[in-house]
Amino acid sequence: MAETGIALFRRSASGLELTCDGALLAAKAEQVLAAASDFHRTAQSLTARVRAS
């Protein structure tokens, strides 16, 4: 994957925390993963339907 140069995390004395950009991209990543999961469920459903006919 290409380097973006965007800071996703900020180091602090208590550990790491997401930057605003990191939080935005994390939310987008969650949407992508949810869409991929939905795609997989739909494909499985269609496969089951084809096998049943």
N, C-alpha and C. Protein backbone atom coordinates (compact mmCIF):
# COMPACT_ATOMS: atom_id res chain seq x y z
N MET A 1 0.85 -1.18 0.00
CA MET A 1 0.00 0.00 0.00
C MET A 1 0.90 1.24 0.00
N ALA A 2 0.47 2.26 -0.69
CA ALA A 2 1.26 3.48 -0.81
C ALA A 2 1.27 4.27 0.49
N GLU A 3 2.37 4.90 0.75
CA GLU A 3 2.52 5.79 1.90
C GLU A 3 1.72 7.06 1.62
N THR A 4 0.94 7.50 2.58
CA THR A 4 0.12 8.71 2.37
C THR A 4 0.74 9.96 2.99
N GLY A 5 1.56 9.75 4.02
CA GLY A 5 2.12 10.90 4.73
C GLY A 5 1.16 11.48 5.76
N ILE A 6 0.01 10.87 5.92
CA ILE A 6 -0.97 11.35 6.89
C ILE A 6 -0.65 10.74 8.26
N ALA A 7 -0.60 11.58 9.27
CA ALA A 7 -0.37 11.09 10.63
C ALA A 7 -1.67 10.50 11.16
N LEU A 8 -1.65 9.21 11.46
CA LEU A 8 -2.86 8.54 11.95
C LEU A 8 -2.91 8.49 13.47
N PHE A 9 -1.73 8.47 14.09
CA PHE A 9 -1.62 8.36 15.54
C PHE A 9 -0.75 9.48 16.08
N ARG A 10 -0.99 9.80 17.34
CA ARG A 10 -0.18 10.79 18.05
C ARG A 10 0.32 10.10 19.32
N ARG A 11 1.61 10.19 19.56
CA ARG A 11 2.18 9.62 20.77
C ARG A 11 2.01 10.59 21.92
N SER A 12 1.65 10.05 23.06
CA SER A 12 1.55 10.86 24.26
C SER A 12 2.18 10.08 25.41
N ALA A 13 2.26 10.69 26.56
CA ALA A 13 2.83 10.02 27.72
C ALA A 13 2.02 8.79 28.11
N SER A 14 0.73 8.80 27.78
CA SER A 14 -0.12 7.67 28.15
C SER A 14 -0.25 6.63 27.03
N GLY A 15 0.41 6.84 25.89
CA GLY A 15 0.36 5.86 24.80
C GLY A 15 0.07 6.51 23.47
N LEU A 16 -0.66 5.80 22.64
CA LEU A 16 -1.03 6.30 21.31
C LEU A 16 -2.50 6.70 21.30
N GLU A 17 -2.80 7.71 20.52
CA GLU A 17 -4.20 8.08 20.29
C GLU A 17 -4.35 8.46 18.83
N LEU A 18 -5.54 8.26 18.31
CA LEU A 18 -5.81 8.62 16.92
C LEU A 18 -5.81 10.13 16.75
N THR A 19 -5.27 10.58 15.62
CA THR A 19 -5.42 11.98 15.25
C THR A 19 -6.82 12.15 14.67
N CYS A 20 -7.22 13.37 14.37
CA CYS A 20 -8.53 13.59 13.72
C CYS A 20 -8.57 12.88 12.38
N ASP A 21 -7.48 12.98 11.61
CA ASP A 21 -7.41 12.28 10.32
C ASP A 21 -7.47 10.77 10.52
N GLY A 22 -6.78 10.28 11.54
CA GLY A 22 -6.80 8.84 11.84
C GLY A 22 -8.20 8.37 12.19
N ALA A 23 -8.92 9.15 12.97
CA ALA A 23 -10.28 8.78 13.35
C ALA A 23 -11.20 8.76 12.13
N LEU A 24 -11.04 9.73 11.25
CA LEU A 24 -11.85 9.78 10.03
C LEU A 24 -11.58 8.55 9.17
N LEU A 25 -10.30 8.23 8.98
CA LEU A 25 -9.95 7.07 8.16
C LEU A 25 -10.34 5.76 8.83
N ALA A 26 -10.29 5.69 10.14
CA ALA A 26 -10.72 4.48 10.85
C ALA A 26 -12.22 4.25 10.62
N ALA A 27 -13.00 5.33 10.66
CA ALA A 27 -14.44 5.21 10.41
C ALA A 27 -14.69 4.73 8.97
N LYS A 28 -13.93 5.26 8.02
CA LYS A 28 -14.08 4.83 6.62
C LYS A 28 -13.69 3.36 6.48
N ALA A 29 -12.62 2.95 7.16
CA ALA A 29 -12.19 1.55 7.11
C ALA A 29 -13.28 0.63 7.66
N GLU A 30 -13.95 1.05 8.73
CA GLU A 30 -15.04 0.25 9.29
C GLU A 30 -16.17 0.12 8.28
N GLN A 31 -16.46 1.18 7.54
CA GLN A 31 -17.50 1.12 6.50
C GLN A 31 -17.11 0.15 5.39
N VAL A 32 -15.85 0.20 5.00
CA VAL A 32 -15.36 -0.70 3.95
C VAL A 32 -15.47 -2.15 4.41
N LEU A 33 -15.06 -2.43 5.64
CA LEU A 33 -15.13 -3.79 6.16
C LEU A 33 -16.58 -4.27 6.28
N ALA A 34 -17.47 -3.39 6.69
CA ALA A 34 -18.90 -3.76 6.77
C ALA A 34 -19.45 -4.05 5.38
N ALA A 35 -19.06 -3.26 4.38
CA ALA A 35 -19.52 -3.50 3.01
C ALA A 35 -18.96 -4.81 2.48
N ALA A 36 -17.72 -5.12 2.78
CA ALA A 36 -17.13 -6.39 2.34
C ALA A 36 -17.85 -7.57 2.99
N SER A 37 -18.18 -7.43 4.26
CA SER A 37 -18.91 -8.49 4.96
C SER A 37 -20.29 -8.68 4.34
N ASP A 38 -20.97 -7.59 4.04
CA ASP A 38 -22.29 -7.65 3.42
C ASP A 38 -22.19 -8.30 2.03
N PHE A 39 -21.15 -7.95 1.28
CA PHE A 39 -20.92 -8.55 -0.03
C PHE A 39 -20.77 -10.06 0.10
N HIS A 40 -19.99 -10.49 1.06
CA HIS A 40 -19.74 -11.92 1.28
C HIS A 40 -21.04 -12.64 1.65
N ARG A 41 -21.82 -12.06 2.56
CA ARG A 41 -23.11 -12.66 2.93
C ARG A 41 -24.04 -12.78 1.73
N THR A 42 -24.09 -11.74 0.92
CA THR A 42 -24.95 -11.76 -0.26
C THR A 42 -24.48 -12.82 -1.25
N ALA A 43 -23.18 -12.92 -1.46
CA ALA A 43 -22.64 -13.93 -2.38
C ALA A 43 -22.96 -15.33 -1.87
N GLN A 44 -22.85 -15.56 -0.57
CA GLN A 44 -23.18 -16.87 -0.01
C GLN A 44 -24.66 -17.18 -0.20
N SER A 45 -25.51 -16.19 0.00
CA SER A 45 -26.95 -16.38 -0.18
C SER A 45 -27.27 -16.72 -1.64
N LEU A 46 -26.64 -16.04 -2.57
CA LEU A 46 -26.88 -16.32 -3.98
C LEU A 46 -26.37 -17.71 -4.36
N THR A 47 -25.23 -18.10 -3.81
CA THR A 47 -24.67 -19.42 -4.07
C THR A 47 -25.62 -20.50 -3.54
N ALA A 48 -26.16 -20.29 -2.35
CA ALA A 48 -27.10 -21.26 -1.78
C ALA A 48 -28.36 -21.35 -2.64
N ARG A 49 -28.81 -20.23 -3.15
CA ARG A 49 -30.01 -20.20 -3.99
C ARG A 49 -29.78 -20.94 -5.31
N VAL A 50 -28.60 -20.76 -5.88
CA VAL A 50 -28.27 -21.44 -7.15
C VAL A 50 -28.20 -22.95 -6.92
N ARG A 51 -27.60 -23.36 -5.81
CA ARG A 51 -27.47 -24.79 -5.52
C ARG A 51 -28.83 -25.44 -5.26
N ALA A 52 -29.76 -24.68 -4.70
CA ALA A 52 -31.08 -25.21 -4.37
C ALA A 52 -31.96 -25.39 -5.60
N SER A 53 -31.63 -24.70 -6.67
CA SER A 53 -32.50 -24.79 -7.85
C SER A 53 -32.07 -25.86 -8.82
